[in-house]
PDB file of N, CA and C in Angstrom:
ATOM      1  N   MET A   1      41.235  16.063 -83.769  1.00  0.00           N
ATOM      2  CA  MET A   1      42.449  16.298 -84.622  1.00  0.00           C
ATOM      3  C   MET A   1      42.806  15.114 -85.239  1.00  0.00           C
ATOM      4  N   LYS A   2      43.194  15.033 -86.467  1.00  0.00           N
ATOM      5  CA  LYS A   2      43.529  14.034 -87.243  1.00  0.00           C
ATOM      6  C   LYS A   2      45.041  13.608 -86.606  1.00  0.00           C
ATOM      7  N   GLU A   3      45.315  12.262 -86.651  1.00  0.00           N
ATOM      8  CA  GLU A   3      46.854  11.923 -86.334  1.00  0.00           C
ATOM      9  C   GLU A   3      47.514  11.994 -87.697  1.00  0.00           C
ATOM     10  N   ARG A   4      48.764  12.715 -87.182  1.00  0.00           N
ATOM     11  CA  ARG A   4      49.727  13.175 -88.303  1.00  0.00           C
ATOM     12  C   ARG A   4      50.842  12.423 -88.436  1.00  0.00           C
ATOM     13  N   ARG A   5      51.153  11.486 -87.338  1.00  0.00           N
ATOM     14  CA  ARG A   5      52.265  10.644 -87.731  1.00  0.00           C
ATOM     15  C   ARG A   5      52.527   9.756 -88.446  1.00  0.00           C
ATOM     16  N   ARG A   6      53.570   9.428 -89.120  1.00  0.00           N
ATOM     17  CA  ARG A   6      54.015   8.545 -90.208  1.00  0.00           C
ATOM     18  C   ARG A   6      53.729   7.261 -89.520  1.00  0.00           C
ATOM     19  N   ARG A   7      53.398   6.281 -90.329  1.00  0.00           N
ATOM     20  CA  ARG A   7      53.474   4.879 -90.047  1.00  0.00           C
ATOM     21  C   ARG A   7      54.170   3.815 -90.918  1.00  0.00           C
ATOM     22  N   LEU A   8      55.101   3.130 -90.735  1.00  0.00           N
ATOM     23  CA  LEU A   8      55.675   2.273 -91.663  1.00  0.00           C
ATOM     24  C   LEU A   8      55.594   0.821 -91.069  1.00  0.00           C
ATOM     25  N   VAL A   9      55.643  -0.185 -92.105  1.00  0.00           N
ATOM     26  CA  VAL A   9      55.713  -1.530 -91.718  1.00  0.00           C
ATOM     27  C   VAL A   9      57.182  -2.085 -92.204  1.00  0.00           C
ATOM     28  N   GLY A  10      57.849  -2.803 -91.507  1.00  0.00           N
ATOM     29  CA  GLY A  10      59.178  -3.337 -91.839  1.00  0.00           C
ATOM     30  C   GLY A  10      59.361  -4.456 -90.765  1.00  0.00           C
ATOM     31  N   ARG A  11      60.643  -5.145 -91.313  1.00  0.00           N
ATOM     32  CA  ARG A  11      61.138  -6.401 -90.483  1.00  0.00           C
ATOM     33  C   ARG A  11      62.290  -5.918 -89.382  1.00  0.00           C
ATOM     34  N   VAL A  12      62.349  -6.464 -88.258  1.00  0.00           N
ATOM     35  CA  VAL A  12      63.325  -6.204 -87.407  1.00  0.00           C
ATOM     36  C   VAL A  12      64.516  -6.981 -87.546  1.00  0.00           C
ATOM     37  N   THR A  13      65.593  -6.345 -87.806  1.00  0.00           N
ATOM     38  CA  THR A  13      66.653  -6.885 -88.257  1.00  0.00           C
ATOM     39  C   THR A  13      67.842  -7.054 -86.970  1.00  0.00           C
ATOM     40  N   SER A  14      67.545  -6.278 -85.861  1.00  0.00           N
ATOM     41  CA  SER A  14      68.431  -6.410 -84.920  1.00  0.00           C
ATOM     42  C   SER A  14      67.826  -6.049 -83.493  1.00  0.00           C
ATOM     43  N   ASP A  15      67.837  -6.814 -82.593  1.00  0.00           N
ATOM     44  CA  ASP A  15      67.186  -6.411 -81.207  1.00  0.00           C
ATOM     45  C   ASP A  15      68.347  -6.593 -80.249  1.00  0.00           C
ATOM     46  N   LYS A  16      69.526  -6.284 -80.570  1.00  0.00           N
ATOM     47  CA  LYS A  16      70.636  -6.597 -79.499  1.00  0.00           C
ATOM     48  C   LYS A  16      70.781  -5.373 -78.354  1.00  0.00           C
ATOM     49  N   MET A  17      70.128  -4.467 -78.767  1.00  0.00           N
ATOM     50  CA  MET A  17      70.253  -3.098 -77.770  1.00  0.00           C
ATOM     51  C   MET A  17      68.999  -3.163 -76.865  1.00  0.00           C
ATOM     52  N   ASP A  18      69.256  -2.715 -75.717  1.00  0.00           N
ATOM     53  CA  ASP A  18      68.115  -2.516 -74.678  1.00  0.00           C
ATOM     54  C   ASP A  18      67.143  -1.565 -75.139  1.00  0.00           C
ATOM     55  N   LYS A  19      66.013  -2.012 -75.245  1.00  0.00           N
ATOM     56  CA  LYS A  19      64.759  -1.171 -75.466  1.00  0.00           C
ATOM     57  C   LYS A  19      64.848  -0.471 -77.013  1.00  0.00           C
ATOM     58  N   THR A  20      65.547  -1.104 -77.729  1.00  0.00           N
ATOM     59  CA  THR A  20      65.775  -0.607 -79.154  1.00  0.00           C
ATOM     60  C   THR A  20      65.573  -1.849 -79.967  1.00  0.00           C
ATOM     61  N   VAL A  21      65.287  -1.723 -81.187  1.00  0.00           N
ATOM     62  CA  VAL A  21      65.137  -2.396 -82.392  1.00  0.00           C
ATOM     63  C   VAL A  21      65.927  -1.857 -83.715  1.00  0.00           C
ATOM     64  N   VAL A  22      66.417  -2.319 -84.540  1.00  0.00           N
ATOM     65  CA  VAL A  22      66.498  -1.911 -85.923  1.00  0.00           C
ATOM     66  C   VAL A  22      65.611  -2.503 -87.002  1.00  0.00           C
ATOM     67  N   VAL A  23      64.865  -1.670 -87.581  1.00  0.00           N
ATOM     68  CA  VAL A  23      63.628  -1.957 -88.358  1.00  0.00           C
ATOM     69  C   VAL A  23      64.124  -1.725 -89.813  1.00  0.00           C
ATOM     70  N   THR A  24      64.015  -2.468 -90.685  1.00  0.00           N
ATOM     71  CA  THR A  24      64.233  -2.428 -92.160  1.00  0.00           C
ATOM     72  C   THR A  24      63.051  -2.353 -92.986  1.00  0.00           C
ATOM     73  N   VAL A  25      62.858  -1.227 -93.545  1.00  0.00           N
ATOM     74  CA  VAL A  25      61.558  -1.067 -94.229  1.00  0.00           C
ATOM     75  C   VAL A  25      61.840  -0.925 -95.768  1.00  0.00           C
ATOM     76  N   GLU A  26      61.255  -2.099 -96.658  1.00  0.00           N
ATOM     77  CA  GLU A  26      61.612  -2.012 -97.952  1.00  0.00           C
ATOM     78  C   GLU A  26      60.278  -1.167 -98.719  1.00  0.00           C
ATOM     79  N   ARG A  27      60.844  -0.741-100.035  1.00  0.00           N
ATOM     80  CA  ARG A  27      60.068  -0.129-100.807  1.00  0.00           C
ATOM     81  C   ARG A  27      60.459  -0.419-102.158  1.00  0.00           C
ATOM     82  N   LEU A  28      59.308  -0.257-103.110  1.00  0.00           N
ATOM     83  CA  LEU A  28      59.827  -0.692-104.801  1.00  0.00           C
ATOM     84  C   LEU A  28      59.922   0.602-105.182  1.00  0.00           C
ATOM     85  N   GLN A  29      60.919   1.004-106.202  1.00  0.00           N
ATOM     86  CA  GLN A  29      60.970   2.176-106.662  1.00  0.00           C
ATOM     87  C   GLN A  29      61.205   2.225-108.218  1.00  0.00           C
ATOM     88  N   ARG A  30      60.569   2.533-109.054  1.00  0.00           N
ATOM     89  CA  ARG A  30      60.768   2.288-110.534  1.00  0.00           C
ATOM     90  C   ARG A  30      62.164   3.329-110.971  1.00  0.00           C
ATOM     91  N   HIS A  31      63.296   2.840-111.722  1.00  0.00           N
ATOM     92  CA  HIS A  31      64.443   3.408-112.105  1.00  0.00           C
ATOM     93  C   HIS A  31      63.946   4.584-113.232  1.00  0.00           C
ATOM     94  N   PRO A  32      64.179   5.830-113.011  1.00  0.00           N
ATOM     95  CA  PRO A  32      63.833   6.922-113.576  1.00  0.00           C
ATOM     96  C   PRO A  32      64.226   6.665-115.064  1.00  0.00           C
ATOM     97  N   LEU A  33      65.092   6.246-115.632  1.00  0.00           N
ATOM     98  CA  LEU A  33      65.518   6.006-117.053  1.00  0.00           C
ATOM     99  C   LEU A  33      65.257   4.788-117.519  1.00  0.00           C
ATOM    100  N   TYR A  34      65.485   3.460-116.913  1.00  0.00           N
ATOM    101  CA  TYR A  34      65.228   2.209-117.320  1.00  0.00           C
ATOM    102  C   TYR A  34      64.027   1.718-117.181  1.00  0.00           C
ATOM    103  N   GLY A  35      63.260   2.074-116.180  1.00  0.00           N
ATOM    104  CA  GLY A  35      62.066   1.636-115.978  1.00  0.00           C
ATOM    105  C   GLY A  35      61.917   0.403-115.072  1.00  0.00           C
ATOM    106  N   LYS A  36      63.331  -0.278-114.653  1.00  0.00           N
ATOM    107  CA  LYS A  36      63.119  -1.365-113.881  1.00  0.00           C
ATOM    108  C   LYS A  36      62.933  -1.229-112.486  1.00  0.00           C
ATOM    109  N   VAL A  37      61.867  -2.026-111.805  1.00  0.00           N
ATOM    110  CA  VAL A  37      61.621  -1.788-110.516  1.00  0.00           C
ATOM    111  C   VAL A  37      62.656  -2.351-109.731  1.00  0.00           C
ATOM    112  N   ILE A  38      63.270  -1.424-108.912  1.00  0.00           N
ATOM    113  CA  ILE A  38      64.369  -1.558-107.858  1.00  0.00           C
ATOM    114  C   ILE A  38      63.778  -1.620-106.430  1.00  0.00           C
ATOM    115  N   ARG A  39      64.313  -2.479-105.586  1.00  0.00           N
ATOM    116  CA  ARG A  39      64.090  -2.641-104.143  1.00  0.00           C
ATOM    117  C   ARG A  39      64.946  -1.898-103.402  1.00  0.00           C
ATOM    118  N   ARG A  40      64.413  -0.943-102.758  1.00  0.00           N
ATOM    119  CA  ARG A  40      65.264  -0.089-101.838  1.00  0.00           C
ATOM    120  C   ARG A  40      64.726  -0.393-100.453  1.00  0.00           C
ATOM    121  N   ALA A  41      65.742  -0.058 -99.609  1.00  0.00           N
ATOM    122  CA  ALA A  41      65.617  -0.389 -98.013  1.00  0.00           C
ATOM    123  C   ALA A  41      66.257   0.960 -97.260  1.00  0.00           C
ATOM    124  N   ASN A  42      65.379   1.198 -96.046  1.00  0.00           N
ATOM    125  CA  ASN A  42      66.069   2.061 -95.211  1.00  0.00           C
ATOM    126  C   ASN A  42      66.060   1.442 -93.721  1.00  0.00           C
ATOM    127  N   LYS A  43      66.656   1.571 -92.845  1.00  0.00           N
ATOM    128  CA  LYS A  43      67.021   1.265 -91.633  1.00  0.00           C
ATOM    129  C   LYS A  43      66.558   2.516 -90.672  1.00  0.00           C
ATOM    130  N   PHE A  44      65.702   2.173 -89.593  1.00  0.00           N
ATOM    131  CA  PHE A  44      65.249   2.885 -88.570  1.00  0.00           C
ATOM    132  C   PHE A  44      65.317   2.234 -87.138  1.00  0.00           C
ATOM    133  N   LYS A  45      66.016   3.064 -86.384  1.00  0.00           N
ATOM    134  CA  LYS A  45      66.030   2.612 -85.017  1.00  0.00           C
ATOM    135  C   LYS A  45      64.873   3.042 -84.184  1.00  0.00           C
ATOM    136  N   ALA A  46      63.999   1.955 -83.637  1.00  0.00           N
ATOM    137  CA  ALA A  46      62.785   2.198 -82.922  1.00  0.00           C
ATOM    138  C   ALA A  46      62.883   1.925 -81.516  1.00  0.00           C
ATOM    139  N   HIS A  47      62.094   2.547 -80.724  1.00  0.00           N
ATOM    140  CA  HIS A  47      61.832   2.335 -79.423  1.00  0.00           C
ATOM    141  C   HIS A  47      61.098   1.107 -79.000  1.00  0.00           C
ATOM    142  N   ASN A  48      61.635   0.202 -78.196  1.00  0.00           N
ATOM    143  CA  ASN A  48      61.007  -1.040 -77.994  1.00  0.00           C
ATOM    144  C   ASN A  48      60.748  -1.306 -76.515  1.00  0.00           C
ATOM    145  N   ALA A  49      59.802  -0.502 -76.082  1.00  0.00           N
ATOM    146  CA  ALA A  49      59.707  -0.506 -74.634  1.00  0.00           C
ATOM    147  C   ALA A  49      59.834  -1.610 -73.638  1.00  0.00           C
ATOM    148  N   GLY A  50      59.081  -2.475 -74.057  1.00  0.00           N
ATOM    149  CA  GLY A  50      58.925  -3.933 -73.025  1.00  0.00           C
ATOM    150  C   GLY A  50      60.095  -4.898 -73.776  1.00  0.00           C
ATOM    151  N   ASN A  51      60.886  -4.737 -74.646  1.00  0.00           N
ATOM    152  CA  ASN A  51      61.794  -5.570 -75.380  1.00  0.00           C
ATOM    153  C   ASN A  51      60.878  -6.781 -75.886  1.00  0.00           C
ATOM    154  N   THR A  52      59.808  -6.434 -76.351  1.00  0.00           N
ATOM    155  CA  THR A  52      58.620  -7.396 -76.752  1.00  0.00           C
ATOM    156  C   THR A  52      59.144  -8.097 -78.291  1.00  0.00           C
ATOM    157  N   ALA A  53      59.696  -7.097 -79.175  1.00  0.00           N
ATOM    158  CA  ALA A  53      59.759  -7.383 -80.643  1.00  0.00           C
ATOM    159  C   ALA A  53      61.231  -8.071 -80.772  1.00  0.00           C
ATOM    160  N   ARG A  54      61.352  -9.238 -81.433  1.00  0.00           N
ATOM    161  CA  ARG A  54      62.513 -10.187 -81.733  1.00  0.00           C
ATOM    162  C   ARG A  54      62.715  -9.783 -83.233  1.00  0.00           C
ATOM    163  N   ALA A  55      64.138 -10.296 -83.356  1.00  0.00           N
ATOM    164  CA  ALA A  55      64.642 -10.383 -84.776  1.00  0.00           C
ATOM    165  C   ALA A  55      63.753 -11.226 -85.619  1.00  0.00           C
ATOM    166  N   GLY A  56      63.272 -10.600 -86.848  1.00  0.00           N
ATOM    167  CA  GLY A  56      62.505 -11.485 -87.569  1.00  0.00           C
ATOM    168  C   GLY A  56      61.043 -11.029 -87.581  1.00  0.00           C
ATOM    169  N   ASP A  57      60.543 -10.379 -86.681  1.00  0.00           N
ATOM    170  CA  ASP A  57      59.463  -9.888 -86.389  1.00  0.00           C
ATOM    171  C   ASP A  57      58.892  -8.802 -87.664  1.00  0.00           C
ATOM    172  N   LEU A  58      57.570  -8.831 -87.999  1.00  0.00           N
ATOM    173  CA  LEU A  58      57.181  -7.863 -88.759  1.00  0.00           C
ATOM    174  C   LEU A  58      56.625  -6.764 -87.809  1.00  0.00           C
ATOM    175  N   VAL A  59      56.854  -5.592 -87.915  1.00  0.00           N
ATOM    176  CA  VAL A  59      56.290  -4.659 -86.835  1.00  0.00           C
ATOM    177  C   VAL A  59      55.999  -3.523 -87.772  1.00  0.00           C
ATOM    178  N   ARG A  60      55.040  -2.630 -87.049  1.00  0.00           N
ATOM    179  CA  ARG A  60      54.557  -1.309 -87.482  1.00  0.00           C
ATOM    180  C   ARG A  60      55.278  -0.178 -86.513  1.00  0.00           C
ATOM    181  N   ILE A  61      55.894   0.716 -87.198  1.00  0.00           N
ATOM    182  CA  ILE A  61      56.473   1.670 -86.277  1.00  0.00           C
ATOM    183  C   ILE A  61      55.771   3.030 -86.479  1.00  0.00           C
ATOM    184  N   VAL A  62      55.953   3.790 -85.588  1.00  0.00           N
ATOM    185  CA  VAL A  62      55.219   5.243 -85.743  1.00  0.00           C
ATOM    186  C   VAL A  62      56.264   6.121 -85.339  1.00  0.00           C
ATOM    187  N   GLU A  63      56.219   7.284 -86.085  1.00  0.00           N
ATOM    188  CA  GLU A  63      56.992   8.453 -85.922  1.00  0.00           C
ATOM    189  C   GLU A  63      56.759   9.056 -84.292  1.00  0.00           C
ATOM    190  N   SER A  64      57.843   9.577 -83.813  1.00  0.00           N
ATOM    191  CA  SER A  64      57.638   9.914 -82.342  1.00  0.00           C
ATOM    192  C   SER A  64      58.703  11.075 -82.301  1.00  0.00           C
ATOM    193  N   ARG A  65      58.687  11.650 -80.869  1.00  0.00           N
ATOM    194  CA  ARG A  65      59.749  12.723 -80.574  1.00  0.00           C
ATOM    195  C   ARG A  65      61.117  12.014 -80.663  1.00  0.00           C
ATOM    196  N   PRO A  66      62.216  12.754 -80.720  1.00  0.00           N
ATOM    197  CA  PRO A  66      63.605  12.168 -80.659  1.00  0.00           C
ATOM    198  C   PRO A  66      63.876  11.787 -79.103  1.00  0.00           C
ATOM    199  N   LEU A  67      64.038  10.395 -79.289  1.00  0.00           N
ATOM    200  CA  LEU A  67      64.251   9.775 -77.872  1.00  0.00           C
ATOM    201  C   LEU A  67      65.699   9.661 -77.657  1.00  0.00           C
ATOM    202  N   SER A  68      66.621   9.743 -78.606  1.00  0.00           N
ATOM    203  CA  SER A  68      67.995   9.652 -78.486  1.00  0.00           C
ATOM    204  C   SER A  68      68.515  10.072 -79.981  1.00  0.00           C
ATOM    205  N   ARG A  69      69.897  10.140 -79.850  1.00  0.00           N
ATOM    206  CA  ARG A  69      70.515  10.619 -81.278  1.00  0.00           C
ATOM    207  C   ARG A  69      70.063   9.954 -82.623  1.00  0.00           C
ATOM    208  N   ASP A  70      69.750   8.855 -82.502  1.00  0.00           N
ATOM    209  CA  ASP A  70      69.283   8.048 -83.630  1.00  0.00           C
ATOM    210  C   ASP A  70      67.839   7.741 -83.697  1.00  0.00           C
ATOM    211  N   LYS A  71      67.125   7.686 -82.354  1.00  0.00           N
ATOM    212  CA  LYS A  71      65.808   6.954 -82.466  1.00  0.00           C
ATOM    213  C   LYS A  71      64.859   8.278 -82.466  1.00  0.00           C
ATOM    214  N   ARG A  72      63.877   8.088 -83.571  1.00  0.00           N
ATOM    215  CA  ARG A  72      62.759   8.850 -83.631  1.00  0.00           C
ATOM    216  C   ARG A  72      61.591   8.261 -84.292  1.00  0.00           C
ATOM    217  N   TRP A  73      61.418   6.771 -83.961  1.00  0.00           N
ATOM    218  CA  TRP A  73      60.410   5.931 -84.028  1.00  0.00           C
ATOM    219  C   TRP A  73      60.243   5.124 -82.904  1.00  0.00           C
ATOM    220  N   ALA A  74      58.954   4.509 -82.647  1.00  0.00           N
ATOM    221  CA  ALA A  74      58.725   3.805 -81.843  1.00  0.00           C
ATOM    222  C   ALA A  74      57.804   2.522 -82.527  1.00  0.00           C
ATOM    223  N   VAL A  75      58.018   1.354 -81.769  1.00  0.00           N
ATOM    224  CA  VAL A  75      57.175   0.226 -82.164  1.00  0.00           C
ATOM    225  C   VAL A  75      55.607   0.354 -81.946  1.00  0.00           C
ATOM    226  N   GLU A  76      54.979   0.246 -82.702  1.00  0.00           N
ATOM    227  CA  GLU A  76      53.345   0.586 -82.184  1.00  0.00           C
ATOM    228  C   GLU A  76      52.917  -0.823 -82.196  1.00  0.00           C
ATOM    229  N   GLU A  77      52.912  -1.762 -83.057  1.00  0.00           N
ATOM    230  CA  GLU A  77      52.533  -3.060 -82.811  1.00  0.00           C
ATOM    231  C   GLU A  77      53.344  -4.155 -83.536  1.00  0.00           C
ATOM    232  N   ILE A  78      53.146  -5.590 -83.118  1.00  0.00           N
ATOM    233  CA  ILE A  78      53.984  -6.529 -83.816  1.00  0.00           C
ATOM    234  C   ILE A  78      52.858  -7.131 -84.763  1.00  0.00           C
ATOM    235  N   VAL A  79      52.996  -6.846 -86.074  1.00  0.00           N
ATOM    236  CA  VAL A  79      52.157  -7.554 -86.984  1.00  0.00           C
ATOM    237  C   VAL A  79      52.029  -9.040 -87.236  1.00  0.00           C
ATOM    238  N   GLU A  80      53.310  -9.551 -87.154  1.00  0.00           N
ATOM    239  CA  GLU A  80      53.521 -10.898 -87.278  1.00  0.00           C
ATOM    240  C   GLU A  80      54.748 -11.392 -86.751  1.00  0.00           C
ATOM    241  N   LYS A  81      54.668 -12.416 -85.692  1.00  0.00           N
ATOM    242  CA  LYS A  81      55.885 -12.908 -85.057  1.00  0.00           C
ATOM    243  C   LYS A  81      56.656 -13.765 -85.951  1.00  0.00           C
ATOM    244  N   ALA A  82      58.007 -13.682 -85.799  1.00  0.00           N
ATOM    245  CA  ALA A  82      59.214 -14.456 -86.394  1.00  0.00           C
ATOM    246  C   ALA A  82      58.749 -16.014 -86.261  1.00  0.00           C
ATOM    247  N   HIS A  83      58.835 -16.787 -87.255  1.00  0.00           N
ATOM    248  CA  HIS A  83      58.913 -18.243 -87.289  1.00  0.00           C
ATOM    249  C   HIS A  83      60.051 -18.913 -86.422  1.00  0.00           C
ATOM    250  N   GLY A  84      59.756 -19.642 -85.539  1.00  0.00           N
ATOM    251  CA  GLY A  84      60.974 -20.443 -84.763  1.00  0.00           C
ATOM    252  C   GLY A  84      61.377 -19.980 -83.637  1.00  0.00           C
TER     253      GLY A  84
END
């Protein structure tokens, strides 16, 4: 069976919670009337089981079952560690 869960890549903006990180995913969208390319961002709370991801890391998150009121994503892998 083919894997149907969505995967997104974004930057960790907050790691202050236990086993949870806030990931900001940016996308480019063209304005419908003026045609200018606009940068849009969405924030997702993702499960970070071993508290491995830190603020500034680039991570891949995968859709999962609801883990809490806000968490519906889980950190799949750390693509790039933050500098410093």
